Amino acid sequence: MLKILIPTFMLFPTIWLVPGKWLWTATTAHSLVVASASLSWFKWCSETGWVAPNLYLALDPLSFPLAVLACWLVPLMIIASQNHVAHEPLTRQRTYISLLVSLQVFLILAFSAMDILTFYVMFEATLIPTLIIITRWGSQTERLSAGTYFMFYTLLGSLPLLVALLYLLNDTGTLSMHTLQYIQMTNPDTLGTMLWWVACLLAFLVKMPLYGVHLWLPKAHVEAPVAGSMVLAAVLLKLGGYGMMRMMVVLGPLTKEMAYPFIILALWGIIMTGSICLRQTDLKSLIAYSSVSHMGLVASGILIQTPWGFTGAIILMVAHGLASSALFCLANTSYERTHSRTMLLTRGLQMILPLMAAWWFLANLANLALPPLPNLMGELMIIVSVFNWSSWTILLTGLGTLITASYSLHLFLTTQRGPTPQHFISMDPSHTREHLLMALHLIPLLLLVLKPELMWGWCF
């Protein structure tokens, strides 16, 4: 664990002491080394299920795929941000990269925390760098309202969680993940216990986000710079799913009846957000709403608490993290050239940038869950386990899958095909940096097909 954390901390002096002309090269190389070292977590050899260097930090099959994803994403964010931050003053560039690295630190500590209260602190700490990135480096004036939405939604959801955790700590004397699974709830049928149950899950459902408390997400995505969108879609939403899985073990017998309204909201949200995607004009907004739709599937998979549902949820979280992050990078490359996110104004790019169109096609296929990609494996596992819970859900999940395919193809056809507008006079060619960025998103996705048990979690 320390062989990842110490080099990550050492990125801060690298960022602030390296000469200006080497800033991006040095930080990208350093973070790529850290990301490569984090792959050693995949070498799984533990009988207890936990690999613990000490009493406070440990990884198990649920947390290490997400921790590796968090490490893998930082070099990609630095590569993606290079073009639009490079023109700013040097101190501001250093601050920007420092914020990205601090996010990585908080995320690794959140995914490897042994104590739920430590996890809560890290979960909240990720808010600060993200908020600064959105409100300081966002592209439009609405970024302040987007930051406010993001802050208040997340805080209002997570304050009841703090109270619930302190109540649990007072009741049981421990919040360690080792012992919590053996705790029996005393009086499960009282109103107070039901409110406690909702308080435990609400923070994570807002973070995922569940349909109904999702309004902060499209705003934050649209206003954030490319690195903000990438880390939001790829890792921060997954904190919600991870926290739900950790808390589900504690919530025990109550969950069967209490989860119904949330499962219904999640499944209905798949259809609603998919339908919203079909009529979006804004490129980033469409990708943001598609995230809500996929996370609805993850939430329903976790809430029914079957091994298949849990496994499918982890697979879909990892696969969606890579695919949606790739889509945001592509949206950014077209925005840097056309200076518009309106899909009608960015038509016909395939004629000008044919290789970019190939990346668009692959990323869209990953998003709509084409076999044999892990997105399909995750979706199928969740759909089957939800169908096993209630056969009527196949209507909702099936329709959701159909709508997902429709808006993914709509996104590809609108941006890439058709006549090229007359107002494209001079356009930069696509750079090797961008192709490398897309390859580092999509190649891991393809490689996971060959060894999917790396992200099967507890059930392997």
Protein backbone atom coordinates (compact mmCIF):
# COMPACT_ATOMS: atom_id res chain seq x y z
CA MET A 1 0.00 0.00 0.00
CA LEU A 2 2.76 2.44 0.95
CA LYS A 3 4.61 1.77 -2.30
CA ILE A 4 1.66 3.50 -4.00
CA LEU A 5 0.88 6.15 -1.38
CA ILE A 6 4.44 7.46 -0.85
CA PRO A 7 5.15 8.02 -4.60
CA THR A 8 1.72 9.69 -4.86
CA PHE A 9 2.61 12.06 -2.02
CA MET A 10 5.99 12.69 -3.66
CA LEU A 11 4.14 13.97 -6.73
CA PHE A 12 3.49 17.22 -4.81
CA PRO A 13 7.17 18.24 -4.52
CA THR A 14 7.67 17.11 -8.13
CA ILE A 15 4.86 19.42 -9.29
CA TRP A 16 6.10 22.45 -7.37
CA LEU A 17 9.88 22.06 -7.84
CA VAL A 18 10.24 20.86 -11.42
CA PRO A 19 11.13 23.58 -14.04
CA GLY A 20 8.17 24.92 -16.00
CA LYS A 21 9.06 23.39 -19.36
CA TRP A 22 9.25 19.92 -17.78
CA LEU A 23 6.09 20.26 -15.68
CA TRP A 24 3.67 18.24 -17.82
CA THR A 25 6.24 15.67 -18.95
CA ALA A 26 7.52 14.98 -15.42
CA THR A 27 4.11 14.78 -13.76
CA THR A 28 2.67 12.56 -16.50
CA ALA A 29 5.66 10.19 -16.33
CA HIS A 30 5.61 10.10 -12.51
CA SER A 31 1.87 9.43 -12.31
CA LEU A 32 2.12 6.74 -15.01
CA VAL A 33 4.77 4.99 -12.90
CA VAL A 34 2.42 5.14 -9.88
CA ALA A 35 -0.45 3.81 -12.03
CA SER A 36 1.73 0.94 -13.28
CA ALA A 37 2.81 0.10 -9.73
CA SER A 38 -0.83 0.02 -8.61
CA LEU A 39 -1.43 -2.86 -11.04
CA SER A 40 0.50 -5.04 -8.57
CA TRP A 41 -2.67 -5.00 -6.43
CA PHE A 42 -4.15 -7.42 -8.95
CA LYS A 43 -1.72 -10.10 -7.75
CA TRP A 44 -4.24 -11.56 -5.40
CA CYS A 45 -3.03 -13.95 -2.70
CA SER A 46 -5.00 -13.85 0.53
CA GLU A 47 -7.06 -16.43 2.37
CA THR A 48 -8.94 -13.99 4.59
CA GLY A 49 -10.05 -11.80 1.69
CA TRP A 50 -8.14 -8.76 2.99
CA VAL A 51 -4.62 -7.64 2.22
CA ALA A 52 -3.81 -5.37 5.15
CA PRO A 53 -0.48 -3.59 5.62
CA ASN A 54 -1.75 -2.17 8.93
CA LEU A 55 -4.89 -1.77 11.05
CA TYR A 56 -6.18 1.27 9.21
CA LEU A 57 -5.63 0.54 5.52
CA ALA A 58 -6.53 -2.65 3.69
CA LEU A 59 -7.75 -3.81 0.31
CA ASP A 60 -10.15 -6.61 -0.51
CA PRO A 61 -11.56 -7.89 -3.84
CA LEU A 62 -14.28 -5.21 -3.74
CA SER A 63 -12.01 -2.21 -3.28
CA PHE A 64 -8.87 -2.94 -5.27
CA PRO A 65 -10.39 -2.74 -8.81
CA LEU A 66 -11.73 0.71 -7.91
CA ALA A 67 -8.46 1.79 -6.25
CA VAL A 68 -6.53 0.75 -9.38
CA LEU A 69 -9.06 2.67 -11.51
CA ALA A 70 -8.46 5.80 -9.39
CA CYS A 71 -4.67 5.49 -9.85
CA TRP A 72 -4.99 4.76 -13.56
CA LEU A 73 -7.10 7.83 -14.19
CA VAL A 74 -4.73 10.52 -12.86
CA PRO A 75 -2.14 10.34 -15.67
CA LEU A 76 -5.01 10.30 -18.16
CA MET A 77 -6.49 13.46 -16.60
CA ILE A 78 -3.10 15.18 -16.77
CA ILE A 79 -2.68 14.19 -20.45
CA ALA A 80 -6.22 15.36 -21.27
CA SER A 81 -5.86 18.74 -19.52
CA GLN A 82 -2.55 19.62 -21.10
CA ASN A 83 -3.91 21.61 -24.02
CA HIS A 84 -6.34 23.95 -22.30
CA VAL A 85 -4.37 24.62 -19.08
CA ALA A 86 -0.95 25.04 -20.73
CA HIS A 87 -1.68 28.69 -21.67
CA GLU A 88 -2.30 29.74 -18.07
CA PRO A 89 0.30 31.13 -15.63
CA LEU A 90 2.71 28.51 -14.33
CA THR A 91 1.56 28.70 -10.70
CA ARG A 92 -2.00 28.04 -11.79
CA GLN A 93 -0.92 25.02 -13.83
CA ARG A 94 0.91 23.63 -10.79
CA THR A 95 -2.16 24.22 -8.59
CA TYR A 96 -4.39 22.44 -11.11
CA ILE A 97 -2.21 19.32 -11.23
CA SER A 98 -1.85 19.39 -7.41
CA LEU A 99 -5.65 19.30 -7.09
CA LEU A 100 -5.81 16.25 -9.38
CA VAL A 101 -3.13 14.46 -7.34
CA SER A 102 -4.84 15.34 -4.03
CA LEU A 103 -8.00 13.76 -5.46
CA GLN A 104 -6.02 10.60 -6.15
CA VAL A 105 -4.72 10.54 -2.56
CA PHE A 106 -8.21 10.95 -1.10
CA LEU A 107 -9.65 8.29 -3.40
CA ILE A 108 -6.97 5.69 -2.59
CA LEU A 109 -7.47 6.34 1.14
CA ALA A 110 -11.26 6.14 0.75
CA PHE A 111 -11.13 2.80 -1.08
CA SER A 112 -8.61 1.33 1.35
CA ALA A 113 -10.00 2.65 4.65
CA MET A 114 -10.73 -0.10 7.17
CA ASP A 115 -12.88 2.08 9.39
CA ILE A 116 -16.19 3.40 8.05
CA LEU A 117 -15.68 6.77 9.73
CA THR A 118 -12.30 7.15 7.98
CA PHE A 119 -14.03 6.25 4.73
CA TYR A 120 -16.66 8.93 5.43
CA VAL A 121 -13.99 11.59 6.02
CA MET A 122 -12.20 10.71 2.76
CA PHE A 123 -15.53 10.50 0.93
CA GLU A 124 -16.24 14.09 1.99
CA ALA A 125 -12.66 15.26 1.37
CA THR A 126 -12.96 14.46 -2.35
CA LEU A 127 -15.56 17.26 -2.51
CA ILE A 128 -13.01 20.03 -1.97
CA PRO A 129 -10.61 19.50 -4.93
CA THR A 130 -13.55 18.68 -7.22
CA LEU A 131 -15.39 21.84 -6.21
CA ILE A 132 -12.28 24.00 -6.80
CA ILE A 133 -11.70 22.38 -10.20
CA ILE A 134 -15.31 23.01 -11.27
CA THR A 135 -15.64 26.58 -9.96
CA ARG A 136 -12.16 27.78 -10.90
CA TRP A 137 -11.45 26.05 -14.21
CA GLY A 138 -14.99 25.63 -15.54
CA SER A 139 -15.66 27.14 -18.94
CA GLN A 140 -18.80 29.26 -18.35
CA THR A 141 -20.35 31.59 -15.79
CA GLU A 142 -22.85 28.92 -14.66
CA ARG A 143 -19.95 27.06 -13.06
CA LEU A 144 -20.63 28.72 -9.71
CA SER A 145 -24.24 27.52 -9.61
CA ALA A 146 -23.04 24.06 -10.72
CA GLY A 147 -20.53 24.05 -7.85
CA THR A 148 -23.26 25.11 -5.41
CA TYR A 149 -25.59 22.35 -6.60
CA PHE A 150 -22.78 19.80 -6.34
CA MET A 151 -21.79 20.92 -2.84
CA PHE A 152 -25.26 21.16 -1.32
CA TYR A 153 -26.69 17.97 -2.81
CA THR A 154 -23.71 15.97 -1.58
CA LEU A 155 -23.56 17.59 1.85
CA LEU A 156 -27.31 17.37 2.51
CA GLY A 157 -27.15 13.69 1.64
CA SER A 158 -24.10 12.93 3.74
CA LEU A 159 -24.81 14.78 7.00
CA PRO A 160 -27.50 12.25 8.01
CA LEU A 161 -24.90 9.54 7.26
CA LEU A 162 -22.50 11.06 9.80
CA VAL A 163 -25.23 11.06 12.45
CA ALA A 164 -26.13 7.44 11.58
CA LEU A 165 -22.48 6.36 11.82
CA LEU A 166 -22.00 8.05 15.18
CA TYR A 167 -25.21 6.37 16.42
CA LEU A 168 -23.87 3.01 15.22
CA LEU A 169 -20.52 3.67 16.88
CA ASN A 170 -22.27 4.52 20.14
CA ASP A 171 -24.44 1.42 19.87
CA THR A 172 -21.77 -1.14 18.92
CA GLY A 173 -18.46 0.42 20.00
CA THR A 174 -16.75 -0.19 16.64
CA LEU A 175 -16.94 0.87 13.02
CA SER A 176 -14.29 -1.50 11.69
CA MET A 177 -15.30 -3.30 8.51
CA HIS A 178 -13.96 -6.57 9.91
CA THR A 179 -16.41 -6.70 12.79
CA LEU A 180 -19.45 -4.86 11.42
CA GLN A 181 -20.71 -7.87 9.48
CA TYR A 182 -21.22 -9.79 12.75
CA ILE A 183 -23.39 -7.10 14.38
CA GLN A 184 -27.08 -7.85 14.87
CA MET A 185 -29.59 -4.99 14.81
CA THR A 186 -31.57 -4.84 18.05
CA ASN A 187 -35.08 -3.56 17.20
CA PRO A 188 -35.50 -3.54 13.43
CA ASP A 189 -39.15 -2.47 13.21
CA THR A 190 -39.17 0.91 14.93
CA LEU A 191 -39.46 4.20 13.04
CA GLY A 192 -36.08 5.37 14.37
CA THR A 193 -34.33 2.33 12.92
CA MET A 194 -36.00 2.88 9.56
CA LEU A 195 -34.87 6.51 9.51
CA TRP A 196 -31.37 5.32 10.45
CA TRP A 197 -31.48 2.92 7.49
CA VAL A 198 -32.41 5.71 5.06
CA ALA A 199 -29.72 7.98 6.55
CA CYS A 200 -27.08 5.28 5.99
CA LEU A 201 -27.86 4.94 2.28
CA LEU A 202 -28.99 8.43 1.30
CA ALA A 203 -25.47 9.90 0.98
CA PHE A 204 -24.40 7.14 -1.37
CA LEU A 205 -27.60 7.28 -3.42
CA VAL A 206 -27.12 11.03 -3.93
CA LYS A 207 -23.49 10.45 -4.92
CA MET A 208 -24.29 7.69 -7.42
CA PRO A 209 -26.71 9.51 -8.27
CA LEU A 210 -30.13 7.89 -8.00
CA TYR A 211 -32.80 9.29 -10.32
CA GLY A 212 -34.60 12.02 -8.37
CA VAL A 213 -31.46 13.34 -6.64
CA HIS A 214 -29.41 13.48 -9.83
CA LEU A 215 -29.83 17.14 -10.81
CA TRP A 216 -26.38 18.17 -9.61
CA LEU A 217 -24.62 15.74 -11.97
CA PRO A 218 -25.43 17.12 -15.46
CA LYS A 219 -24.74 20.66 -14.22
CA ALA A 220 -21.39 19.69 -12.68
CA HIS A 221 -20.36 17.70 -15.78
CA VAL A 222 -21.28 20.40 -18.27
CA GLU A 223 -19.46 23.16 -16.39
CA ALA A 224 -16.38 21.17 -15.29
CA PRO A 225 -13.16 21.15 -17.35
CA VAL A 226 -12.26 17.83 -18.97
CA ALA A 227 -10.34 16.45 -15.94
CA GLY A 228 -13.25 17.31 -13.64
CA SER A 229 -15.70 15.47 -15.89
CA MET A 230 -13.38 12.48 -16.18
CA VAL A 231 -12.85 12.02 -12.46
CA LEU A 232 -16.54 12.63 -11.69
CA ALA A 233 -17.74 10.03 -14.19
CA ALA A 234 -15.00 7.49 -13.64
CA VAL A 235 -14.37 7.39 -9.90
CA LEU A 236 -16.44 9.79 -7.80
CA LEU A 237 -19.77 8.22 -8.78
CA LYS A 238 -18.27 4.82 -7.93
CA LEU A 239 -17.63 5.99 -4.35
CA GLY A 240 -21.41 5.91 -3.93
CA GLY A 241 -21.71 2.32 -5.13
CA TYR A 242 -18.72 1.22 -3.06
CA GLY A 243 -20.13 2.85 0.09
CA MET A 244 -23.51 1.19 -0.49
CA MET A 245 -21.89 -2.23 -0.75
CA ARG A 246 -19.97 -1.66 2.46
CA MET A 247 -23.06 -0.48 4.38
CA MET A 248 -25.35 -3.21 3.02
CA VAL A 249 -23.56 -5.74 5.22
CA VAL A 250 -24.61 -3.79 8.33
CA LEU A 251 -28.16 -2.92 7.31
CA GLY A 252 -29.24 -6.54 7.47
CA PRO A 253 -32.86 -7.64 7.76
CA LEU A 254 -34.47 -4.23 7.21
CA THR A 255 -33.27 -3.95 3.66
CA LYS A 256 -35.76 -6.36 2.10
CA GLU A 257 -38.81 -4.13 2.47
CA MET A 258 -37.10 -0.75 2.78
CA ALA A 259 -35.27 -1.06 -0.53
CA TYR A 260 -38.40 -1.32 -2.72
CA PRO A 261 -38.94 2.41 -3.40
CA PHE A 262 -35.24 2.89 -4.15
CA ILE A 263 -35.10 -0.05 -6.56
CA ILE A 264 -38.21 1.25 -8.34
CA LEU A 265 -36.67 4.74 -8.59
CA ALA A 266 -33.41 3.30 -9.92
CA LEU A 267 -35.12 1.17 -12.59
CA TRP A 268 -37.52 3.92 -13.59
CA GLY A 269 -34.57 6.32 -13.73
CA ILE A 270 -32.88 4.11 -16.35
CA ILE A 271 -35.80 4.74 -18.74
CA MET A 272 -36.31 8.39 -17.82
CA THR A 273 -32.68 9.47 -18.13
CA GLY A 274 -32.32 7.40 -21.32
CA SER A 275 -35.31 9.26 -22.79
CA ILE A 276 -33.76 12.58 -21.70
CA CYS A 277 -30.55 11.54 -23.52
CA LEU A 278 -32.48 11.04 -26.75
CA ARG A 279 -33.46 14.70 -26.86
CA GLN A 280 -30.29 16.37 -25.56
CA THR A 281 -28.61 18.98 -27.73
CA ASP A 282 -25.56 19.39 -25.50
CA LEU A 283 -22.82 16.81 -25.99
CA LYS A 284 -21.51 16.69 -22.39
CA SER A 285 -25.02 16.78 -20.95
CA LEU A 286 -25.97 13.68 -22.97
CA ILE A 287 -22.94 11.74 -21.67
CA ALA A 288 -23.72 12.92 -18.11
CA TYR A 289 -27.32 11.69 -18.28
CA SER A 290 -26.13 8.35 -19.68
CA SER A 291 -24.01 8.03 -16.51
CA VAL A 292 -27.15 8.47 -14.39
CA SER A 293 -28.84 5.72 -16.40
CA HIS A 294 -25.96 3.26 -15.92
CA MET A 295 -25.65 4.05 -12.23
CA GLY A 296 -29.38 3.33 -11.83
CA LEU A 297 -28.64 -0.20 -13.00
CA VAL A 298 -25.74 -0.45 -10.52
CA ALA A 299 -27.93 0.83 -7.65
CA SER A 300 -30.65 -1.76 -8.35
CA GLY A 301 -28.02 -4.51 -8.57
CA ILE A 302 -26.64 -3.56 -5.14
CA LEU A 303 -30.01 -3.04 -3.44
CA ILE A 304 -31.34 -6.53 -4.15
CA GLN A 305 -28.26 -7.97 -2.40
CA THR A 306 -27.53 -11.12 -4.36
CA PRO A 307 -23.98 -12.27 -5.20
CA TRP A 308 -24.75 -11.86 -8.91
CA GLY A 309 -26.10 -8.36 -8.35
CA PHE A 310 -22.98 -7.33 -6.40
CA THR A 311 -20.60 -8.81 -8.98
CA GLY A 312 -22.46 -7.20 -11.86
CA ALA A 313 -22.40 -3.87 -10.04
CA ILE A 314 -18.59 -3.94 -9.56
CA ILE A 315 -17.99 -4.97 -13.20
CA LEU A 316 -20.32 -2.28 -14.53
CA MET A 317 -18.76 0.38 -12.27
CA VAL A 318 -15.23 -0.35 -13.52
CA ALA A 319 -16.26 -0.71 -17.18
CA HIS A 320 -18.49 2.38 -17.13
CA GLY A 321 -15.69 4.35 -15.46
CA LEU A 322 -13.37 3.73 -18.40
CA ALA A 323 -16.01 4.08 -21.15
CA SER A 324 -17.67 7.31 -19.95
CA SER A 325 -14.32 8.89 -19.15
CA ALA A 326 -13.28 8.13 -22.75
CA LEU A 327 -16.46 9.76 -24.05
CA PHE A 328 -15.78 12.91 -22.04
CA CYS A 329 -12.24 13.06 -23.47
CA LEU A 330 -13.66 12.79 -26.99
CA ALA A 331 -16.24 15.48 -26.27
CA ASN A 332 -13.37 17.69 -25.09
CA THR A 333 -11.30 17.09 -28.23
CA SER A 334 -14.20 18.17 -30.42
CA TYR A 335 -14.90 21.16 -28.12
CA GLU A 336 -11.28 22.33 -28.36
CA ARG A 337 -11.59 22.41 -32.15
CA THR A 338 -15.14 23.68 -32.71
CA HIS A 339 -15.58 25.68 -29.44
CA SER A 340 -19.13 24.41 -29.20
CA ARG A 341 -20.82 21.59 -27.32
CA THR A 342 -24.04 21.82 -29.39
CA MET A 343 -24.31 18.58 -31.34
CA LEU A 344 -25.91 20.21 -34.41
CA LEU A 345 -22.90 22.50 -34.84
CA THR A 346 -20.33 19.70 -34.63
CA ARG A 347 -21.63 17.46 -37.41
CA GLY A 348 -19.65 15.60 -40.02
CA LEU A 349 -16.35 15.41 -38.14
CA GLN A 350 -15.59 12.00 -39.64
CA MET A 351 -14.59 13.62 -42.92
CA ILE A 352 -12.04 15.85 -41.20
CA LEU A 353 -10.76 13.57 -38.39
CA PRO A 354 -11.36 9.96 -39.51
CA LEU A 355 -9.25 8.30 -36.78
CA MET A 356 -11.07 10.30 -34.08
CA ALA A 357 -14.32 8.96 -35.56
CA ALA A 358 -13.01 5.42 -35.05
CA TRP A 359 -12.35 6.22 -31.36
CA TRP A 360 -15.85 7.74 -31.08
CA PHE A 361 -17.30 4.56 -32.54
CA LEU A 362 -15.41 2.29 -30.12
CA ALA A 363 -16.28 4.41 -27.08
CA ASN A 364 -19.96 4.48 -28.05
CA LEU A 365 -20.02 0.72 -28.54
CA ALA A 366 -18.47 0.33 -25.08
CA ASN A 367 -21.14 2.62 -23.65
CA LEU A 368 -24.03 0.68 -25.21
CA ALA A 369 -22.57 -2.63 -23.91
CA LEU A 370 -21.47 -4.48 -27.02
CA PRO A 371 -20.32 -8.07 -26.53
CA PRO A 372 -17.70 -9.11 -25.45
CA LEU A 373 -16.93 -5.95 -23.45
CA PRO A 374 -17.18 -6.03 -19.63
CA ASN A 375 -20.01 -3.45 -19.83
CA LEU A 376 -22.21 -6.20 -21.26
CA MET A 377 -21.09 -8.71 -18.62
CA GLY A 378 -22.00 -6.29 -15.81
CA GLU A 379 -25.33 -5.32 -17.35
CA LEU A 380 -26.34 -8.93 -18.02
CA MET A 381 -25.49 -10.04 -14.50
CA ILE A 382 -27.52 -7.20 -12.99
CA ILE A 383 -30.45 -7.68 -15.37
CA VAL A 384 -30.55 -11.42 -14.66
CA SER A 385 -30.35 -10.98 -10.89
CA VAL A 386 -33.03 -8.27 -10.89
CA PHE A 387 -35.19 -10.50 -13.12
CA ASN A 388 -34.74 -13.31 -10.63
CA TRP A 389 -35.96 -10.94 -7.88
CA SER A 390 -39.05 -9.93 -9.88
CA SER A 391 -39.79 -10.98 -13.45
CA TRP A 392 -41.64 -7.71 -14.22
CA THR A 393 -38.38 -5.77 -14.06
CA ILE A 394 -37.35 -7.21 -17.45
CA LEU A 395 -39.74 -4.70 -19.06
CA LEU A 396 -37.87 -1.78 -17.50
CA THR A 397 -34.32 -3.11 -17.91
CA GLY A 398 -34.99 -4.35 -21.46
CA LEU A 399 -36.47 -1.03 -22.53
CA GLY A 400 -33.56 0.74 -20.81
CA THR A 401 -31.02 -1.31 -22.80
CA LEU A 402 -32.89 -0.49 -26.03
CA ILE A 403 -32.91 3.25 -25.26
CA THR A 404 -29.19 3.12 -24.32
CA ALA A 405 -28.37 1.65 -27.75
CA SER A 406 -30.56 4.30 -29.43
CA TYR A 407 -28.95 7.34 -27.80
CA SER A 408 -25.43 5.95 -28.20
CA LEU A 409 -25.95 5.55 -31.94
CA HIS A 410 -27.70 8.94 -32.06
CA LEU A 411 -24.64 10.50 -30.38
CA PHE A 412 -22.28 8.89 -32.88
CA LEU A 413 -24.34 9.69 -35.99
CA THR A 414 -25.04 13.29 -34.99
CA THR A 415 -21.44 14.21 -34.23
CA GLN A 416 -19.59 12.18 -36.86
CA ARG A 417 -21.80 11.66 -39.92
CA GLY A 418 -23.71 14.04 -42.17
CA PRO A 419 -22.53 17.11 -44.06
CA THR A 420 -19.68 19.12 -42.55
CA PRO A 421 -20.91 22.63 -41.62
CA GLN A 422 -19.56 25.61 -43.54
CA HIS A 423 -18.19 27.39 -40.47
CA PHE A 424 -15.27 24.95 -39.99
CA ILE A 425 -12.56 26.99 -41.70
CA SER A 426 -9.34 25.93 -40.00
CA MET A 427 -9.18 22.96 -37.68
CA ASP A 428 -6.24 21.39 -35.87
CA PRO A 429 -5.45 17.80 -36.82
CA SER A 430 -5.81 15.20 -34.08
CA HIS A 431 -2.66 14.88 -31.99
CA THR A 432 -0.77 11.77 -30.90
CA ARG A 433 -1.49 12.84 -27.30
CA GLU A 434 -5.21 12.41 -27.90
CA HIS A 435 -4.85 9.04 -29.57
CA LEU A 436 -2.65 7.85 -26.70
CA LEU A 437 -5.29 9.08 -24.25
CA MET A 438 -8.05 7.13 -25.99
CA ALA A 439 -5.88 4.02 -26.25
CA LEU A 440 -5.15 4.14 -22.51
CA HIS A 441 -8.91 4.24 -21.86
CA LEU A 442 -10.08 1.56 -24.27
CA ILE A 443 -7.20 -0.95 -24.26
CA PRO A 444 -7.66 -1.76 -20.51
CA LEU A 445 -11.37 -2.21 -21.23
CA LEU A 446 -10.57 -4.72 -23.98
CA LEU A 447 -7.93 -6.49 -21.86
CA LEU A 448 -10.41 -6.96 -18.99
CA VAL A 449 -12.40 -9.21 -21.34
CA LEU A 450 -9.52 -11.70 -21.20
CA LYS A 451 -9.36 -11.87 -17.40
CA PRO A 452 -12.66 -10.65 -15.98
CA GLU A 453 -12.21 -12.37 -12.60
CA LEU A 454 -9.97 -9.43 -11.60
CA MET A 455 -13.16 -7.42 -11.04
CA TRP A 456 -15.61 -10.07 -9.91
CA GLY A 457 -15.24 -8.92 -6.32
CA TRP A 458 -16.33 -11.11 -3.44
CA CYS A 459 -17.98 -13.74 -5.58
CA PHE A 460 -14.95 -15.11 -7.38
